Amino acid sequence: MNKIETPPFDSIITVENSFKGVTIKWKHEVVGSRFFSAAFLFFWLGGWAMAEVKVSTVIIRSFANSEFPNLFLVFWFGCWTIGGLAALSAFFGLFMEPTVISLYIDHLGIVYQPDKSKKIHAEMKQISNLSIKRIGRNLRLSFDLGAKRIEIGSELNEPEKEWLYKVLRNSLKLQQSYSPIQIQGESG
């Protein structure tokens, strides 16, 4: 396996070369509004907890007094509880480690792991149509694996996607030329 060139300056990409192949990694982080989202959810969950306690007290008192509780209140309480648990999950998710995405390349093909639960194995002969295209304002790096189109690096910026395209093209020895990026619909 040939040594891979260095990623662009100030890149989130790391490269690990070994005798058998190369592993390229980058992190998918929630950026920008992370603090605002955490602050908003913190205060929203405080209000949620107060409403949860108040409504559950009303429902419990209805049963204690041998009365049938208001059905709308019971329905609202169930939906409010589910929504609050989802918000609680999102709140704690903001403090979790970012997902590490990896792409392993060797002489046989690639293994792309976009998250911990998903791995895509592809032999070189199965990969076709490696492309980098501008679609709207975004640059899309993808390849076809049988009938599926696999997009890689949606978290990366444009220079990083262009670098990764060159690495994939060279490493997989695909017979595709690197042409200037064209906006979809333009003729070149």
Protein backbone atom coordinates (compact mmCIF):
# COMPACT_ATOMS: atom_id res chain seq x y z
CA MET A 1 0.00 0.00 0.00
CA ASN A 2 1.40 3.39 -0.98
CA LYS A 3 1.80 6.04 1.66
CA ILE A 4 -1.05 8.54 1.66
CA GLU A 5 -0.27 12.26 1.32
CA THR A 6 -0.95 14.57 4.26
CA PRO A 7 -4.53 15.87 4.65
CA PRO A 8 -5.19 19.59 4.13
CA PHE A 9 -3.87 22.01 6.76
CA ASP A 10 -6.05 22.31 9.89
CA SER A 11 -8.06 19.25 8.86
CA ILE A 12 -10.14 17.05 11.18
CA ILE A 13 -8.83 14.03 9.25
CA THR A 14 -6.17 11.72 10.71
CA VAL A 15 -4.28 9.14 8.69
CA GLU A 16 -2.77 5.92 10.09
CA ASN A 17 -0.48 4.09 7.67
CA SER A 18 0.33 0.44 8.21
CA PHE A 19 2.01 -2.30 6.21
CA LYS A 20 -1.33 -3.74 5.06
CA GLY A 21 -3.30 -0.56 4.45
CA VAL A 22 -4.34 2.87 5.53
CA THR A 23 -7.01 4.00 8.00
CA ILE A 24 -8.48 7.46 7.55
CA LYS A 25 -10.54 8.83 10.45
CA TRP A 26 -12.51 11.94 11.25
CA LYS A 27 -15.04 12.95 13.87
CA HIS A 28 -18.63 13.96 13.36
CA GLU A 29 -19.26 16.68 15.91
CA VAL A 30 -22.26 18.83 16.64
CA VAL A 31 -20.80 22.28 16.21
CA GLY A 32 -21.97 25.83 16.71
CA SER A 33 -25.24 25.71 18.59
CA ARG A 34 -24.20 23.03 21.08
CA PHE A 35 -24.13 25.43 24.06
CA PHE A 36 -27.41 27.11 23.09
CA SER A 37 -29.09 23.71 22.60
CA ALA A 38 -27.90 22.47 25.99
CA ALA A 39 -29.05 25.66 27.75
CA PHE A 40 -32.44 25.58 26.04
CA LEU A 41 -33.00 21.90 26.86
CA PHE A 42 -31.87 22.41 30.45
CA PHE A 43 -34.53 25.06 31.08
CA TRP A 44 -37.16 23.24 29.01
CA LEU A 45 -36.59 20.05 31.00
CA GLY A 46 -36.98 22.02 34.24
CA GLY A 47 -40.43 23.15 33.09
CA TRP A 48 -41.17 19.65 31.83
CA ALA A 49 -40.37 18.16 35.24
CA MET A 50 -42.64 20.64 37.04
CA ALA A 51 -45.54 19.91 34.66
CA GLU A 52 -44.88 16.17 34.96
CA VAL A 53 -45.13 16.34 38.77
CA LYS A 54 -48.22 18.59 38.74
CA VAL A 55 -50.21 16.49 36.25
CA SER A 56 -49.21 13.17 37.83
CA THR A 57 -50.42 14.56 41.20
CA VAL A 58 -53.81 15.49 39.68
CA ILE A 59 -54.18 12.02 38.11
CA ILE A 60 -53.18 10.21 41.33
CA ARG A 61 -55.64 12.32 43.37
CA SER A 62 -58.42 11.38 40.95
CA PHE A 63 -57.75 7.68 41.57
CA ALA A 64 -57.40 8.24 45.33
CA ASN A 65 -60.83 9.90 45.44
CA SER A 66 -62.32 7.02 43.42
CA GLU A 67 -62.95 9.37 40.50
CA PHE A 68 -62.26 8.65 36.88
CA PRO A 69 -59.45 11.00 35.73
CA ASN A 70 -59.85 13.37 32.81
CA LEU A 71 -59.01 11.28 29.68
CA PHE A 72 -57.44 14.23 27.92
CA LEU A 73 -55.14 14.78 30.92
CA VAL A 74 -54.10 11.10 30.93
CA PHE A 75 -53.44 11.22 27.17
CA TRP A 76 -51.50 14.50 27.52
CA PHE A 77 -49.48 13.06 30.40
CA GLY A 78 -48.46 10.02 28.31
CA CYS A 79 -47.40 12.16 25.34
CA TRP A 80 -45.65 14.68 27.63
CA THR A 81 -43.70 11.88 29.29
CA ILE A 82 -42.55 10.40 25.96
CA GLY A 83 -41.58 13.86 24.63
CA GLY A 84 -39.69 14.66 27.82
CA LEU A 85 -37.74 11.41 27.67
CA ALA A 86 -36.80 12.17 24.06
CA ALA A 87 -35.63 15.67 25.10
CA LEU A 88 -33.67 14.17 28.00
CA SER A 89 -31.96 11.79 25.59
CA ALA A 90 -31.09 14.70 23.25
CA PHE A 91 -29.75 16.72 26.21
CA PHE A 92 -27.37 13.96 27.30
CA GLY A 93 -26.46 13.27 23.66
CA LEU A 94 -24.99 16.77 23.47
CA PHE A 95 -22.35 15.75 26.02
CA MET A 96 -21.40 12.42 24.42
CA GLU A 97 -18.16 11.88 22.55
CA PRO A 98 -18.45 12.68 18.84
CA THR A 99 -18.83 9.77 16.45
CA VAL A 100 -15.57 8.64 14.87
CA ILE A 101 -15.97 7.78 11.20
CA SER A 102 -13.35 5.54 9.64
CA LEU A 103 -12.36 4.44 6.16
CA TYR A 104 -9.89 1.57 5.85
CA ILE A 105 -8.21 1.12 2.46
CA ASP A 106 -5.99 -1.78 1.40
CA HIS A 107 -5.14 -3.64 -1.81
CA LEU A 108 -8.42 -5.61 -1.62
CA GLY A 109 -10.83 -2.71 -1.23
CA ILE A 110 -12.30 -0.54 1.48
CA VAL A 111 -14.21 -0.79 4.75
CA TYR A 112 -16.25 2.33 5.50
CA GLN A 113 -17.68 2.73 9.00
CA PRO A 114 -19.94 5.82 9.22
CA ASP A 115 -20.99 4.97 12.80
CA LYS A 116 -20.46 2.30 15.45
CA SER A 117 -23.32 0.10 14.26
CA LYS A 118 -22.74 0.17 10.50
CA LYS A 119 -19.87 -1.16 8.38
CA ILE A 120 -19.74 -1.19 4.59
CA HIS A 121 -17.29 -3.65 2.99
CA ALA A 122 -16.46 -3.19 -0.68
CA GLU A 123 -13.99 -5.01 -2.88
CA MET A 124 -12.24 -2.87 -5.50
CA LYS A 125 -14.01 -4.64 -8.35
CA GLN A 126 -17.43 -3.85 -6.78
CA ILE A 127 -16.83 -0.10 -6.61
CA SER A 128 -17.86 2.05 -9.54
CA ASN A 129 -18.64 5.68 -10.35
CA LEU A 130 -16.40 7.32 -7.76
CA SER A 131 -17.41 10.95 -8.09
CA ILE A 132 -17.24 14.33 -6.50
CA LYS A 133 -20.07 16.64 -7.57
CA ARG A 134 -21.47 19.96 -6.55
CA ILE A 135 -25.16 19.65 -5.80
CA GLY A 136 -26.60 23.02 -4.87
CA ARG A 137 -24.18 24.56 -2.38
CA ASN A 138 -22.78 21.21 -1.21
CA LEU A 139 -20.01 19.06 -2.56
CA ARG A 140 -20.92 15.37 -2.58
CA LEU A 141 -18.33 12.57 -2.60
CA SER A 142 -19.80 9.18 -3.43
CA PHE A 143 -19.31 5.84 -5.14
CA ASP A 144 -21.66 3.13 -6.31
CA LEU A 145 -21.62 -0.28 -4.67
CA GLY A 146 -23.89 -2.44 -6.77
CA ALA A 147 -27.25 -0.69 -6.84
CA LYS A 148 -26.47 1.50 -3.81
CA ARG A 149 -24.88 4.94 -3.85
CA ILE A 150 -22.64 5.42 -0.82
CA GLU A 151 -21.92 9.01 0.22
CA ILE A 152 -18.69 9.55 2.14
CA GLY A 153 -17.58 12.47 4.25
CA SER A 154 -20.72 14.59 4.44
CA GLU A 155 -19.20 16.07 7.64
CA LEU A 156 -16.02 17.21 5.87
CA ASN A 157 -15.37 20.59 4.30
CA GLU A 158 -14.66 20.99 0.58
CA PRO A 159 -10.81 20.77 0.61
CA GLU A 160 -11.06 17.63 2.78
CA LYS A 161 -13.58 16.02 0.39
CA GLU A 162 -11.37 16.84 -2.60
CA TRP A 163 -8.35 15.35 -0.79
CA LEU A 164 -10.32 12.22 0.12
CA TYR A 165 -11.51 11.87 -3.49
CA LYS A 166 -7.90 11.94 -4.72
CA VAL A 167 -6.85 9.40 -2.08
CA LEU A 168 -9.69 7.04 -3.00
CA ARG A 169 -9.08 7.44 -6.72
CA ASN A 170 -5.36 6.74 -6.35
CA SER A 171 -5.69 3.96 -3.78
CA LEU A 172 -8.43 2.08 -5.55
CA LYS A 173 -6.78 2.64 -8.93
CA LEU A 174 -10.09 3.54 -10.53
CA GLN A 175 -9.80 4.71 -14.12
CA GLN A 176 -11.61 7.97 -13.59
CA SER A 177 -10.11 11.33 -14.32
CA TYR A 178 -10.11 14.10 -11.78
CA SER A 179 -11.87 16.94 -13.52
CA PRO A 180 -12.82 20.35 -12.16
CA ILE A 181 -15.92 20.22 -10.00
CA GLN A 182 -19.03 21.01 -11.99
CA ILE A 183 -22.37 22.20 -10.75
CA GLN A 184 -25.05 19.65 -11.57
CA GLY A 185 -26.91 20.65 -14.70
CA GLU A 186 -24.02 22.59 -16.22
CA SER A 187 -22.38 21.29 -19.32
CA GLY A 188 -18.64 21.34 -19.29
